[in-house]
Amino acid sequence: MKKFLYILLPLCLLFSVSAQAQTKHALVIGIGEYLDPEWGKINGDKDVAYVLEILKDAGYSDITTLVNKQATKQAIVNAFKRLESVCQSDDIVYIHYSGHGQQMSDRGNDERDHRDECWIPYDAYRKPSKNYSGEKHLVDDELNVLLTKIRRKVGDGGKILVVVDACHSGDITRGDGETVRGVMDIFVAAKEYVASVFDSSAKSSTHTEQWITISACQSYEVNIEMRSPSVGKLTYAIYTLVKGGNVGTNSEFYQQIFRFMDNNRGSLTQEPQMTGLKRNYNISDIIL
């Protein structure tokens, strides 16, 4: 009997460790109103409930949400750093951003179109001034550094999905009543605002996308919200497909998103994008 217990105990410990080896972490950012009124009102904050329903159904046990005033530049960066600190090898990470997008004049000469793409935190201003050089914009180079650090923690066996329901061009609100998540004007960063605002490791990791990203449109296109319900088109596409069980392979999922958005297009076409490590793991493992 003692010999049986000695064998059973290590087996129980082994199964316990295996069961805890993979944790699902999420960061959900939704911004509908901004400190700077020039951004105008959108419905990024309303996306959060739809995303949370997906994540809870998928068994996420660690979810951080930042909504409106909570989603300052520093709070977003801190949330990324927290993710890095809690993630372990083989963990699953889902990051969602719904809000305004804007392009910035490229500071590192690493963009073909000489423009960086930016997420717009709650406390970022639309235009440069003597008091604002762009330091509250969250530039793609900075995001790359933050995400690369998370990738190192979860390792090759970890799975990361980033969903960006924003755009990098367009008007805040079109004349026909369509709401667009972005602006046409390009933020011209002051010369003093250089890459020193983030980790020097950006030089070695910039644009090495070691995760899957689904974006609502191409960098030069507009991202028009759904009319009913008044939420992000990409967010609602993913929500509808997941609830309907229509995920499939990564390629099939992308085609389903494309068709949904094409069937619900506004006055202008937008083409969703899927980039990154599309063949290394299935998105279904992250959102189902």
C-alpha atoms as a PDB file:
ATOM      1  CA  MET A   1       0.000   0.000   0.000  1.00  0.00           C
ATOM      2  CA  LYS A   2       2.859   2.382   0.861  1.00  0.00           C
ATOM      3  CA  LYS A   3       4.578   1.590  -2.436  1.00  0.00           C
ATOM      4  CA  PHE A   4       1.345   2.430  -4.298  1.00  0.00           C
ATOM      5  CA  LEU A   5       1.069   5.780  -2.490  1.00  0.00           C
ATOM      6  CA  TYR A   6       4.691   6.630  -3.284  1.00  0.00           C
ATOM      7  CA  ILE A   7       3.949   6.074  -6.971  1.00  0.00           C
ATOM      8  CA  LEU A   8       0.596   7.859  -6.912  1.00  0.00           C
ATOM      9  CA  LEU A   9       1.881  11.029  -5.219  1.00  0.00           C
ATOM     10  CA  PRO A  10       4.457  11.937  -7.919  1.00  0.00           C
ATOM     11  CA  LEU A  11       1.859  11.232 -10.612  1.00  0.00           C
ATOM     12  CA  CYS A  12      -0.607  13.594  -8.928  1.00  0.00           C
ATOM     13  CA  LEU A  13       2.052  16.279  -8.705  1.00  0.00           C
ATOM     14  CA  LEU A  14       2.921  15.762 -12.360  1.00  0.00           C
ATOM     15  CA  PHE A  15      -0.703  16.179 -13.484  1.00  0.00           C
ATOM     16  CA  SER A  16      -1.096  19.228 -11.218  1.00  0.00           C
ATOM     17  CA  VAL A  17       1.943  20.941 -12.736  1.00  0.00           C
ATOM     18  CA  SER A  18       0.762  20.106 -16.279  1.00  0.00           C
ATOM     19  CA  ALA A  19      -2.681  21.515 -15.603  1.00  0.00           C
ATOM     20  CA  GLN A  20      -1.181  24.786 -14.398  1.00  0.00           C
ATOM     21  CA  ALA A  21       1.514  24.995 -17.066  1.00  0.00           C
ATOM     22  CA  GLN A  22      -0.524  27.074 -19.490  1.00  0.00           C
ATOM     23  CA  THR A  23      -2.406  30.176 -18.332  1.00  0.00           C
ATOM     24  CA  LYS A  24      -4.513  32.506 -20.489  1.00  0.00           C
ATOM     25  CA  HIS A  25      -3.776  36.213 -19.993  1.00  0.00           C
ATOM     26  CA  ALA A  26      -5.561  39.152 -21.629  1.00  0.00           C
ATOM     27  CA  LEU A  27      -5.256  42.912 -21.857  1.00  0.00           C
ATOM     28  CA  VAL A  28      -8.336  44.700 -23.221  1.00  0.00           C
ATOM     29  CA  ILE A  29      -8.168  48.429 -24.016  1.00  0.00           C
ATOM     30  CA  GLY A  30     -11.291  50.307 -25.105  1.00  0.00           C
ATOM     31  CA  ILE A  31     -11.397  54.084 -25.537  1.00  0.00           C
ATOM     32  CA  GLY A  32     -14.435  56.034 -26.660  1.00  0.00           C
ATOM     33  CA  GLU A  33     -13.705  59.470 -25.225  1.00  0.00           C
ATOM     34  CA  TYR A  34     -10.432  61.359 -24.903  1.00  0.00           C
ATOM     35  CA  LEU A  35      -8.821  64.069 -22.831  1.00  0.00           C
ATOM     36  CA  ASP A  36      -8.318  66.096 -26.020  1.00  0.00           C
ATOM     37  CA  PRO A  37     -11.793  66.866 -27.459  1.00  0.00           C
ATOM     38  CA  GLU A  38     -10.295  67.205 -30.942  1.00  0.00           C
ATOM     39  CA  TRP A  39     -10.333  63.421 -31.198  1.00  0.00           C
ATOM     40  CA  GLY A  40     -14.107  63.329 -31.068  1.00  0.00           C
ATOM     41  CA  LYS A  41     -16.385  60.624 -29.677  1.00  0.00           C
ATOM     42  CA  ILE A  42     -16.176  57.038 -30.902  1.00  0.00           C
ATOM     43  CA  ASN A  43     -17.406  53.749 -29.422  1.00  0.00           C
ATOM     44  CA  GLY A  44     -14.194  51.913 -28.596  1.00  0.00           C
ATOM     45  CA  ASP A  45     -15.285  51.600 -24.976  1.00  0.00           C
ATOM     46  CA  LYS A  46     -18.397  49.669 -26.033  1.00  0.00           C
ATOM     47  CA  ASP A  47     -16.238  46.968 -27.633  1.00  0.00           C
ATOM     48  CA  VAL A  48     -14.974  45.837 -24.240  1.00  0.00           C
ATOM     49  CA  ALA A  49     -18.117  43.922 -23.222  1.00  0.00           C
ATOM     50  CA  TYR A  50     -18.039  41.890 -26.450  1.00  0.00           C
ATOM     51  CA  VAL A  51     -14.365  41.039 -26.014  1.00  0.00           C
ATOM     52  CA  LEU A  52     -14.831  40.059 -22.369  1.00  0.00           C
ATOM     53  CA  GLU A  53     -17.644  37.671 -23.276  1.00  0.00           C
ATOM     54  CA  ILE A  54     -15.362  35.906 -25.753  1.00  0.00           C
ATOM     55  CA  LEU A  55     -12.505  35.691 -23.262  1.00  0.00           C
ATOM     56  CA  LYS A  56     -14.598  34.427 -20.370  1.00  0.00           C
ATOM     57  CA  ASP A  57     -16.136  31.747 -22.592  1.00  0.00           C
ATOM     58  CA  ALA A  58     -12.582  30.787 -23.630  1.00  0.00           C
ATOM     59  CA  GLY A  59     -11.532  30.290 -20.003  1.00  0.00           C
ATOM     60  CA  TYR A  60      -9.304  33.301 -19.439  1.00  0.00           C
ATOM     61  CA  SER A  61      -8.383  33.596 -15.784  1.00  0.00           C
ATOM     62  CA  ASP A  62      -6.259  36.757 -15.914  1.00  0.00           C
ATOM     63  CA  ILE A  63      -7.912  39.727 -17.654  1.00  0.00           C
ATOM     64  CA  THR A  64      -6.907  43.380 -17.329  1.00  0.00           C
ATOM     65  CA  THR A  65      -9.241  46.037 -18.748  1.00  0.00           C
ATOM     66  CA  LEU A  66      -8.433  49.699 -19.359  1.00  0.00           C
ATOM     67  CA  VAL A  67     -11.423  51.805 -20.390  1.00  0.00           C
ATOM     68  CA  ASN A  68     -11.469  55.524 -21.279  1.00  0.00           C
ATOM     69  CA  LYS A  69      -9.699  57.518 -18.516  1.00  0.00           C
ATOM     70  CA  GLN A  70      -7.983  54.370 -17.274  1.00  0.00           C
ATOM     71  CA  ALA A  71      -6.209  53.933 -20.605  1.00  0.00           C
ATOM     72  CA  THR A  72      -3.450  56.522 -20.287  1.00  0.00           C
ATOM     73  CA  LYS A  73      -0.124  55.937 -22.014  1.00  0.00           C
ATOM     74  CA  GLN A  74       1.562  55.041 -18.723  1.00  0.00           C
ATOM     75  CA  ALA A  75      -1.261  52.726 -17.659  1.00  0.00           C
ATOM     76  CA  ILE A  76      -1.090  50.850 -20.975  1.00  0.00           C
ATOM     77  CA  VAL A  77       2.694  50.487 -20.762  1.00  0.00           C
ATOM     78  CA  ASN A  78       2.392  49.322 -17.143  1.00  0.00           C
ATOM     79  CA  ALA A  79      -0.215  46.741 -18.174  1.00  0.00           C
ATOM     80  CA  PHE A  80       2.144  45.377 -20.834  1.00  0.00           C
ATOM     81  CA  LYS A  81       4.953  45.191 -18.272  1.00  0.00           C
ATOM     82  CA  ARG A  82       2.674  43.394 -15.835  1.00  0.00           C
ATOM     83  CA  LEU A  83       1.857  40.856 -18.534  1.00  0.00           C
ATOM     84  CA  GLU A  84       5.546  40.310 -19.079  1.00  0.00           C
ATOM     85  CA  SER A  85       6.082  39.741 -15.357  1.00  0.00           C
ATOM     86  CA  VAL A  86       3.284  37.181 -14.891  1.00  0.00           C
ATOM     87  CA  CYS A  87       3.616  35.228 -18.131  1.00  0.00           C
ATOM     88  CA  GLN A  88       5.376  31.887 -18.113  1.00  0.00           C
ATOM     89  CA  SER A  89       6.555  29.497 -20.779  1.00  0.00           C
ATOM     90  CA  ASP A  90       3.792  28.253 -23.124  1.00  0.00           C
ATOM     91  CA  ASP A  91       1.171  30.712 -21.827  1.00  0.00           C
ATOM     92  CA  ILE A  92      -1.522  32.220 -24.082  1.00  0.00           C
ATOM     93  CA  VAL A  93      -1.831  36.005 -24.428  1.00  0.00           C
ATOM     94  CA  TYR A  94      -4.633  38.039 -26.032  1.00  0.00           C
ATOM     95  CA  ILE A  95      -4.255  41.815 -26.419  1.00  0.00           C
ATOM     96  CA  HIS A  96      -7.080  43.973 -27.773  1.00  0.00           C
ATOM     97  CA  TYR A  97      -7.053  47.677 -28.629  1.00  0.00           C
ATOM     98  CA  SER A  98     -10.172  49.592 -29.677  1.00  0.00           C
ATOM     99  CA  GLY A  99      -9.701  53.318 -30.117  1.00  0.00           C
ATOM    100  CA  HIS A 100      -8.352  56.011 -32.375  1.00  0.00           C
ATOM    101  CA  GLY A 101      -5.324  55.504 -34.584  1.00  0.00           C
ATOM    102  CA  GLN A 102      -3.008  58.039 -36.165  1.00  0.00           C
ATOM    103  CA  GLN A 103       0.144  58.033 -38.236  1.00  0.00           C
ATOM    104  CA  MET A 104       3.273  59.832 -37.086  1.00  0.00           C
ATOM    105  CA  SER A 105       6.223  61.021 -39.128  1.00  0.00           C
ATOM    106  CA  ASP A 106       8.743  58.153 -38.938  1.00  0.00           C
ATOM    107  CA  ARG A 107      11.478  58.780 -36.405  1.00  0.00           C
ATOM    108  CA  GLY A 108      13.630  55.733 -37.081  1.00  0.00           C
ATOM    109  CA  ASN A 109      13.709  55.597 -40.898  1.00  0.00           C
ATOM    110  CA  ASP A 110      12.436  52.009 -40.685  1.00  0.00           C
ATOM    111  CA  GLU A 111       9.105  52.523 -42.469  1.00  0.00           C
ATOM    112  CA  ARG A 112       8.701  52.311 -46.247  1.00  0.00           C
ATOM    113  CA  ASP A 113       6.142  55.101 -46.218  1.00  0.00           C
ATOM    114  CA  HIS A 114       8.184  57.087 -43.639  1.00  0.00           C
ATOM    115  CA  ARG A 115       5.303  56.937 -41.171  1.00  0.00           C
ATOM    116  CA  ASP A 116       4.887  55.156 -37.851  1.00  0.00           C
ATOM    117  CA  GLU A 117       1.469  53.828 -36.848  1.00  0.00           C
ATOM    118  CA  CYS A 118       0.219  54.764 -33.384  1.00  0.00           C
ATOM    119  CA  TRP A 119      -2.369  53.688 -30.868  1.00  0.00           C
ATOM    120  CA  ILE A 120      -3.881  56.776 -29.224  1.00  0.00           C
ATOM    121  CA  PRO A 121      -4.094  56.505 -25.421  1.00  0.00           C
ATOM    122  CA  TYR A 122      -6.611  58.578 -23.483  1.00  0.00           C
ATOM    123  CA  ASP A 123      -4.102  61.344 -22.690  1.00  0.00           C
ATOM    124  CA  ALA A 124      -2.534  61.746 -26.159  1.00  0.00           C
ATOM    125  CA  TYR A 125      -3.176  64.937 -28.122  1.00  0.00           C
ATOM    126  CA  ARG A 126      -4.144  65.041 -31.764  1.00  0.00           C
ATOM    127  CA  LYS A 127      -1.742  67.806 -32.831  1.00  0.00           C
ATOM    128  CA  PRO A 128       1.783  68.817 -31.795  1.00  0.00           C
ATOM    129  CA  SER A 129       2.287  72.012 -29.816  1.00  0.00           C
ATOM    130  CA  LYS A 130       4.932  73.707 -27.720  1.00  0.00           C
ATOM    131  CA  ASN A 131       3.743  71.548 -24.818  1.00  0.00           C
ATOM    132  CA  TYR A 132       3.244  68.268 -26.653  1.00  0.00           C
ATOM    133  CA  SER A 133       5.752  66.448 -28.841  1.00  0.00           C
ATOM    134  CA  GLY A 134       3.989  63.106 -29.214  1.00  0.00           C
ATOM    135  CA  GLU A 135       5.270  61.412 -26.073  1.00  0.00           C
ATOM    136  CA  LYS A 136       1.797  60.112 -25.155  1.00  0.00           C
ATOM    137  CA  HIS A 137       1.274  58.462 -28.561  1.00  0.00           C
ATOM    138  CA  LEU A 138       1.969  54.716 -28.411  1.00  0.00           C
ATOM    139  CA  VAL A 139       4.107  54.144 -31.491  1.00  0.00           C
ATOM    140  CA  ASP A 140       4.411  50.789 -33.285  1.00  0.00           C
ATOM    141  CA  ASP A 141       8.141  50.662 -32.438  1.00  0.00           C
ATOM    142  CA  GLU A 142       7.325  50.901 -28.725  1.00  0.00           C
ATOM    143  CA  LEU A 143       4.607  48.262 -29.014  1.00  0.00           C
ATOM    144  CA  ASN A 144       7.052  45.968 -30.766  1.00  0.00           C
ATOM    145  CA  VAL A 145       9.482  46.191 -27.844  1.00  0.00           C
ATOM    146  CA  LEU A 146       6.749  45.518 -25.270  1.00  0.00           C
ATOM    147  CA  LEU A 147       5.367  42.563 -27.225  1.00  0.00           C
ATOM    148  CA  THR A 148       8.804  41.103 -27.924  1.00  0.00           C
ATOM    149  CA  LYS A 149       9.488  40.966 -24.189  1.00  0.00           C
ATOM    150  CA  ILE A 150       6.240  39.053 -23.655  1.00  0.00           C
ATOM    151  CA  ARG A 151       7.195  36.685 -26.480  1.00  0.00           C
ATOM    152  CA  ARG A 152      10.477  35.937 -24.736  1.00  0.00           C
ATOM    153  CA  LYS A 153       8.588  35.037 -21.561  1.00  0.00           C
ATOM    154  CA  VAL A 154       6.070  32.689 -23.202  1.00  0.00           C
ATOM    155  CA  GLY A 155       8.731  31.171 -25.459  1.00  0.00           C
ATOM    156  CA  ASP A 156       8.271  29.374 -28.740  1.00  0.00           C
ATOM    157  CA  GLY A 157       5.411  27.329 -27.269  1.00  0.00           C
ATOM    158  CA  GLY A 158       3.437  30.393 -26.224  1.00  0.00           C
ATOM    159  CA  LYS A 159       0.625  31.868 -28.309  1.00  0.00           C
ATOM    160  CA  ILE A 160       0.020  35.615 -28.719  1.00  0.00           C
ATOM    161  CA  LEU A 161      -2.823  37.321 -30.585  1.00  0.00           C
ATOM    162  CA  VAL A 162      -3.096  41.108 -30.955  1.00  0.00           C
ATOM    163  CA  VAL A 163      -6.351  42.627 -32.276  1.00  0.00           C
ATOM    164  CA  VAL A 164      -6.323  46.274 -33.356  1.00  0.00           C
ATOM    165  CA  ASP A 165      -9.736  47.819 -34.032  1.00  0.00           C
ATOM    166  CA  ALA A 166      -8.441  51.231 -35.081  1.00  0.00           C
ATOM    167  CA  CYS A 167      -7.356  52.979 -38.235  1.00  0.00           C
ATOM    168  CA  HIS A 168      -4.476  55.146 -39.285  1.00  0.00           C
ATOM    169  CA  SER A 169      -6.286  57.474 -41.695  1.00  0.00           C
ATOM    170  CA  GLY A 170      -9.725  58.945 -42.246  1.00  0.00           C
ATOM    171  CA  ASP A 171     -11.896  61.573 -40.590  1.00  0.00           C
ATOM    172  CA  ILE A 172     -13.346  61.329 -37.096  1.00  0.00           C
ATOM    173  CA  THR A 173     -16.916  61.439 -38.421  1.00  0.00           C
ATOM    174  CA  ARG A 174     -17.879  61.360 -42.060  1.00  0.00           C
ATOM    175  CA  GLY A 175     -20.667  63.564 -43.402  1.00  0.00           C
ATOM    176  CA  ASP A 176     -22.964  60.596 -43.931  1.00  0.00           C
ATOM    177  CA  GLY A 177     -22.982  59.784 -40.234  1.00  0.00           C
ATOM    178  CA  GLU A 178     -20.317  57.084 -40.293  1.00  0.00           C
ATOM    179  CA  THR A 179     -17.952  57.041 -37.324  1.00  0.00           C
ATOM    180  CA  VAL A 180     -14.288  56.508 -38.156  1.00  0.00           C
ATOM    181  CA  ARG A 181     -11.573  55.548 -35.687  1.00  0.00           C
ATOM    182  CA  GLY A 182      -8.761  57.782 -36.796  1.00  0.00           C
ATOM    183  CA  VAL A 183      -7.729  61.016 -38.482  1.00  0.00           C
ATOM    184  CA  MET A 184      -6.148  61.968 -41.790  1.00  0.00           C
ATOM    185  CA  ASP A 185      -3.606  64.427 -40.405  1.00  0.00           C
ATOM    186  CA  ILE A 186      -0.172  62.979 -39.678  1.00  0.00           C
ATOM    187  CA  PHE A 187       1.345  63.854 -36.329  1.00  0.00           C
ATOM    188  CA  VAL A 188       4.711  65.516 -36.935  1.00  0.00           C
ATOM    189  CA  ALA A 189       6.847  64.581 -33.947  1.00  0.00           C
ATOM    190  CA  ALA A 190       9.261  67.187 -32.604  1.00  0.00           C
ATOM    191  CA  LYS A 191      12.950  66.510 -33.232  1.00  0.00           C
ATOM    192  CA  GLU A 192      13.459  66.184 -29.489  1.00  0.00           C
ATOM    193  CA  TYR A 193      11.068  63.214 -29.411  1.00  0.00           C
ATOM    194  CA  VAL A 194      13.360  60.368 -30.438  1.00  0.00           C
ATOM    195  CA  ALA A 195      13.706  56.643 -29.825  1.00  0.00           C
ATOM    196  CA  SER A 196      15.179  57.307 -26.378  1.00  0.00           C
ATOM    197  CA  VAL A 197      11.612  57.313 -25.036  1.00  0.00           C
ATOM    198  CA  PHE A 198      11.668  53.541 -25.173  1.00  0.00           C
ATOM    199  CA  ASP A 199      14.059  50.630 -24.679  1.00  0.00           C
ATOM    200  CA  SER A 200      17.165  50.505 -26.882  1.00  0.00           C
ATOM    201  CA  SER A 201      16.274  46.890 -27.707  1.00  0.00           C
ATOM    202  CA  ALA A 202      13.861  48.358 -30.261  1.00  0.00           C
ATOM    203  CA  LYS A 203      16.762  48.529 -32.681  1.00  0.00           C
ATOM    204  CA  SER A 204      17.174  44.772 -32.670  1.00  0.00           C
ATOM    205  CA  SER A 205      13.501  43.796 -32.584  1.00  0.00           C
ATOM    206  CA  THR A 206      11.701  46.446 -34.644  1.00  0.00           C
ATOM    207  CA  HIS A 207       9.108  44.919 -36.960  1.00  0.00           C
ATOM    208  CA  THR A 208      10.067  41.321 -36.197  1.00  0.00           C
ATOM    209  CA  GLU A 209       6.464  40.340 -35.580  1.00  0.00           C
ATOM    210  CA  GLN A 210       6.623  37.235 -33.411  1.00  0.00           C
ATOM    211  CA  TRP A 211       2.871  37.032 -32.846  1.00  0.00           C
ATOM    212  CA  ILE A 212      -0.320  37.167 -34.884  1.00  0.00           C
ATOM    213  CA  THR A 213      -1.933  40.567 -35.424  1.00  0.00           C
ATOM    214  CA  ILE A 214      -5.409  41.117 -36.821  1.00  0.00           C
ATOM    215  CA  SER A 215      -6.013  44.741 -37.848  1.00  0.00           C
ATOM    216  CA  ALA A 216      -9.256  46.349 -38.972  1.00  0.00           C
ATOM    217  CA  CYS A 217      -7.756  47.844 -42.130  1.00  0.00           C
ATOM    218  CA  GLN A 218      -4.592  48.685 -43.996  1.00  0.00           C
ATOM    219  CA  SER A 219      -2.499  51.584 -42.704  1.00  0.00           C
ATOM    220  CA  TYR A 220      -3.816  54.007 -45.332  1.00  0.00           C
ATOM    221  CA  GLU A 221      -7.493  53.019 -45.004  1.00  0.00           C
ATOM    222  CA  VAL A 222     -10.316  54.131 -42.757  1.00  0.00           C
ATOM    223  CA  ASN A 223     -11.923  51.941 -40.122  1.00  0.00           C
ATOM    224  CA  ILE A 224     -15.646  52.612 -40.056  1.00  0.00           C
ATOM    225  CA  GLU A 225     -17.684  51.424 -37.059  1.00  0.00           C
ATOM    226  CA  MET A 226     -20.790  49.284 -37.255  1.00  0.00           C
ATOM    227  CA  ARG A 227     -24.006  51.299 -37.341  1.00  0.00           C
ATOM    228  CA  SER A 228     -25.955  48.766 -35.312  1.00  0.00           C
ATOM    229  CA  PRO A 229     -24.739  47.925 -32.784  1.00  0.00           C
ATOM    230  CA  SER A 230     -22.469  50.972 -32.550  1.00  0.00           C
ATOM    231  CA  VAL A 231     -19.227  49.088 -31.976  1.00  0.00           C
ATOM    232  CA  GLY A 232     -16.009  48.320 -33.831  1.00  0.00           C
ATOM    233  CA  LYS A 233     -16.477  46.396 -37.039  1.00  0.00           C
ATOM    234  CA  LEU A 234     -13.514  44.075 -36.457  1.00  0.00           C
ATOM    235  CA  THR A 235     -14.505  43.454 -32.837  1.00  0.00           C
ATOM    236  CA  TYR A 236     -18.060  42.608 -33.834  1.00  0.00           C
ATOM    237  CA  ALA A 237     -16.881  40.404 -36.704  1.00  0.00           C
ATOM    238  CA  ILE A 238     -14.703  38.351 -34.345  1.00  0.00           C
ATOM    239  CA  TYR A 239     -17.462  38.208 -31.733  1.00  0.00           C
ATOM    240  CA  THR A 240     -20.058  37.023 -34.265  1.00  0.00           C
ATOM    241  CA  LEU A 241     -17.769  34.385 -35.754  1.00  0.00           C
ATOM    242  CA  VAL A 242     -16.611  33.019 -32.405  1.00  0.00           C
ATOM    243  CA  LYS A 243     -20.161  32.819 -31.023  1.00  0.00           C
ATOM    244  CA  GLY A 244     -21.215  31.051 -34.193  1.00  0.00           C
ATOM    245  CA  GLY A 245     -18.319  28.615 -34.039  1.00  0.00           C
ATOM    246  CA  ASN A 246     -16.917  29.851 -37.353  1.00  0.00           C
ATOM    247  CA  VAL A 247     -13.191  30.031 -36.638  1.00  0.00           C
ATOM    248  CA  GLY A 248     -11.492  27.107 -38.378  1.00  0.00           C
ATOM    249  CA  THR A 249      -7.906  27.506 -39.537  1.00  0.00           C
ATOM    250  CA  ASN A 250      -6.192  30.887 -39.440  1.00  0.00           C
ATOM    251  CA  SER A 251      -6.707  31.311 -43.183  1.00  0.00           C
ATOM    252  CA  GLU A 252     -10.378  30.352 -42.921  1.00  0.00           C
ATOM    253  CA  PHE A 253     -10.868  32.710 -39.979  1.00  0.00           C
ATOM    254  CA  TYR A 254      -9.330  35.588 -41.901  1.00  0.00           C
ATOM    255  CA  GLN A 255     -11.550  34.908 -44.913  1.00  0.00           C
ATOM    256  CA  GLN A 256     -14.611  34.861 -42.643  1.00  0.00           C
ATOM    257  CA  ILE A 257     -13.601  38.219 -41.130  1.00  0.00           C
ATOM    258  CA  PHE A 258     -13.002  39.656 -44.593  1.00  0.00           C
ATOM    259  CA  ARG A 259     -16.420  38.538 -45.815  1.00  0.00           C
ATOM    260  CA  PHE A 260     -18.176  39.843 -42.703  1.00  0.00           C
ATOM    261  CA  MET A 261     -16.589  43.273 -43.040  1.00  0.00           C
ATOM    262  CA  ASP A 262     -17.184  43.358 -46.778  1.00  0.00           C
ATOM    263  CA  ASN A 263     -20.853  42.514 -46.237  1.00  0.00           C
ATOM    264  CA  ASN A 264     -21.083  45.292 -43.645  1.00  0.00           C
ATOM    265  CA  ARG A 265     -18.979  47.852 -45.446  1.00  0.00           C
ATOM    266  CA  GLY A 266     -19.524  51.570 -45.151  1.00  0.00           C
ATOM    267  CA  SER A 267     -19.140  54.077 -47.935  1.00  0.00           C
ATOM    268  CA  LEU A 268     -15.460  53.137 -48.292  1.00  0.00           C
ATOM    269  CA  THR A 269     -13.864  49.710 -48.517  1.00  0.00           C
ATOM    270  CA  GLN A 270     -11.589  48.549 -45.741  1.00  0.00           C
ATOM    271  CA  GLU A 271      -9.494  45.408 -45.909  1.00  0.00           C
ATOM    272  CA  PRO A 272      -8.694  43.675 -42.616  1.00  0.00           C
ATOM    273  CA  GLN A 273      -5.141  42.432 -42.227  1.00  0.00           C
ATOM    274  CA  MET A 274      -3.651  39.323 -40.598  1.00  0.00           C
ATOM    275  CA  THR A 275       0.097  39.417 -40.146  1.00  0.00           C
ATOM    276  CA  GLY A 276       2.760  37.615 -38.131  1.00  0.00           C
ATOM    277  CA  LEU A 277       3.276  33.949 -37.402  1.00  0.00           C
ATOM    278  CA  LYS A 278       0.149  32.697 -39.139  1.00  0.00           C
ATOM    279  CA  ARG A 279       1.310  29.102 -39.545  1.00  0.00           C
ATOM    280  CA  ASN A 280       2.881  28.416 -36.171  1.00  0.00           C
ATOM    281  CA  TYR A 281      -0.294  28.098 -34.108  1.00  0.00           C
ATOM    282  CA  ASN A 282      -4.035  28.292 -34.505  1.00  0.00           C
ATOM    283  CA  ILE A 283      -5.991  31.367 -33.432  1.00  0.00           C
ATOM    284  CA  SER A 284      -8.762  28.999 -32.329  1.00  0.00           C
ATOM    285  CA  ASP A 285      -6.488  27.911 -29.457  1.00  0.00           C
ATOM    286  CA  ILE A 286      -6.499  31.514 -28.214  1.00  0.00           C
ATOM    287  CA  ILE A 287     -10.130  32.585 -28.542  1.00  0.00           C
ATOM    288  CA  LEU A 288     -12.034  29.323 -28.068  1.00  0.00           C
END
